[in-house]
Amino acid sequence: MVRTFKRIDRVGDMLQKELAVILQSKFRDGELPMITVSAVQVSRDLAYAKIYVSTLGTENEIKAVVKTLNHLAPKLRYLLAHTIRIRTTPELQFVYDSSIVQGSKLSALIDSVDPDKPKD
């Protein structure tokens, strides 16, 4: 079975790649910590994009990073508009992606069940 990619999926992938580059290159001066863009979910009409990000830190630090990213969203949208070729650049909303942290907690829980199992 071959999966055909929809335009929404291609736009989401393109936004994810370009946002990662912009965040690494433009905001390295300490304004933001290291941020990983884990996923992008674009609305059907391509007007809105929900950007899932992950970063290290305490809960308050993570909330501050997401708040800062949402504050910088218009500027990031402007930078994206000059980077990618698309008729309209979606409005950006940043959300913390806790799946990485939850995955590591689950892995630690599984490892704690069988403590005699050799680690790789």
Protein backbone atom coordinates (compact mmCIF):
# COMPACT_ATOMS: atom_id res chain seq x y z
CA MET A 1 0.00 0.00 0.00
CA VAL A 2 1.52 3.29 -1.09
CA ARG A 3 0.64 6.36 0.91
CA THR A 4 0.06 9.49 -1.09
CA PHE A 5 0.95 12.66 0.75
CA LYS A 6 -1.58 15.41 0.86
CA ARG A 7 -0.63 19.03 0.40
CA ILE A 8 -1.33 19.62 4.09
CA ASP A 9 1.29 17.01 5.02
CA ARG A 10 3.87 18.52 2.68
CA VAL A 11 3.26 22.02 4.02
CA GLY A 12 3.53 20.72 7.59
CA ASP A 13 6.84 19.00 6.85
CA MET A 14 8.18 22.11 5.13
CA LEU A 15 7.14 24.33 8.06
CA GLN A 16 8.75 21.93 10.55
CA LYS A 17 12.09 21.94 8.72
CA GLU A 18 12.19 25.69 8.13
CA LEU A 19 11.14 26.57 11.69
CA ALA A 20 13.87 24.33 13.07
CA VAL A 21 16.44 26.14 10.92
CA ILE A 22 15.12 29.58 11.88
CA LEU A 23 15.07 28.77 15.60
CA GLN A 24 18.63 27.44 15.46
CA SER A 25 20.08 30.26 13.40
CA LYS A 26 18.20 33.38 14.52
CA PHE A 27 17.75 32.71 18.22
CA ARG A 28 21.09 31.23 19.30
CA ASP A 29 22.04 34.29 21.37
CA GLY A 30 20.43 32.99 24.55
CA GLU A 31 16.94 34.39 24.07
CA LEU A 32 15.69 30.81 23.79
CA PRO A 33 17.16 27.49 24.92
CA MET A 34 17.63 24.53 22.59
CA ILE A 35 14.22 23.76 21.09
CA THR A 36 13.15 20.76 19.03
CA VAL A 37 10.24 21.11 16.62
CA SER A 38 8.73 17.65 16.93
CA ALA A 39 5.61 18.02 14.78
CA VAL A 40 3.46 20.48 12.88
CA GLN A 41 -0.28 20.12 12.44
CA VAL A 42 -1.74 22.35 9.70
CA SER A 43 -5.44 23.15 9.35
CA ARG A 44 -7.26 22.04 6.21
CA ASP A 45 -7.44 25.58 4.84
CA LEU A 46 -3.72 26.14 5.59
CA ALA A 47 -4.58 29.20 7.68
CA TYR A 48 -3.35 27.89 11.03
CA ALA A 49 -0.48 25.69 12.14
CA LYS A 50 -0.02 24.13 15.56
CA ILE A 51 3.69 23.69 16.22
CA TYR A 52 4.66 21.03 18.77
CA VAL A 53 7.98 21.79 20.46
CA SER A 54 10.03 20.16 23.17
CA THR A 55 12.79 21.51 25.34
CA LEU A 56 14.53 20.68 28.59
CA GLY A 57 13.85 22.42 31.86
CA THR A 58 11.43 22.69 34.73
CA GLU A 59 7.72 23.06 34.16
CA ASN A 60 7.92 26.83 34.71
CA GLU A 61 10.86 27.17 32.30
CA ILE A 62 8.99 25.18 29.65
CA LYS A 63 5.88 27.35 30.07
CA ALA A 64 8.05 30.45 29.71
CA VAL A 65 9.62 29.10 26.50
CA VAL A 66 6.21 28.32 24.97
CA LYS A 67 4.93 31.77 26.00
CA THR A 68 7.98 33.40 24.41
CA LEU A 69 7.53 31.39 21.22
CA ASN A 70 3.87 32.41 20.99
CA HIS A 71 4.93 36.02 21.55
CA LEU A 72 7.49 35.67 18.73
CA ALA A 73 4.99 33.88 16.44
CA PRO A 74 4.31 36.93 14.21
CA LYS A 75 8.04 37.48 13.71
CA LEU A 76 8.60 33.77 12.99
CA ARG A 77 5.68 33.82 10.55
CA TYR A 78 7.27 36.80 8.79
CA LEU A 79 10.61 34.97 8.54
CA LEU A 80 8.85 31.85 7.24
CA ALA A 81 7.01 33.88 4.61
CA HIS A 82 10.33 35.01 3.18
CA THR A 83 11.79 31.51 3.29
CA ILE A 84 9.10 29.26 1.87
CA ARG A 85 7.08 29.62 -1.31
CA ILE A 86 3.43 29.43 -0.34
CA ARG A 87 0.54 31.76 -1.06
CA THR A 88 -0.29 32.48 2.57
CA THR A 89 1.81 31.56 5.56
CA PRO A 90 -0.28 30.02 8.35
CA GLU A 91 -0.68 31.67 11.74
CA LEU A 92 1.52 29.86 14.23
CA GLN A 93 0.55 28.52 17.64
CA PHE A 94 3.21 26.82 19.74
CA VAL A 95 2.36 23.92 22.09
CA TYR A 96 4.64 21.90 24.36
CA ASP A 97 5.04 18.28 23.24
CA SER A 98 5.40 16.15 26.35
CA SER A 99 5.55 12.82 24.51
CA ILE A 100 9.35 12.57 24.78
CA VAL A 101 9.27 13.04 28.56
CA GLN A 102 6.37 10.63 28.92
CA GLY A 103 8.20 8.08 26.76
CA SER A 104 11.33 8.24 28.91
CA LYS A 105 9.25 7.88 32.09
CA LEU A 106 7.49 4.87 30.62
CA SER A 107 10.81 3.35 29.58
CA ALA A 108 12.21 3.87 33.08
CA LEU A 109 9.11 2.26 34.55
CA ILE A 110 9.48 -0.76 32.27
CA ASP A 111 13.17 -1.05 33.16
CA SER A 112 12.35 -0.91 36.88
CA VAL A 113 10.06 -3.95 36.57
CA ASP A 114 12.96 -6.21 35.58
CA PRO A 115 16.07 -4.81 37.32
CA ASP A 116 18.16 -7.93 36.55
CA LYS A 117 17.85 -7.39 32.81
CA PRO A 118 21.24 -6.35 31.35
CA LYS A 119 21.31 -2.84 29.88
CA ASP A 120 22.50 -2.27 26.33
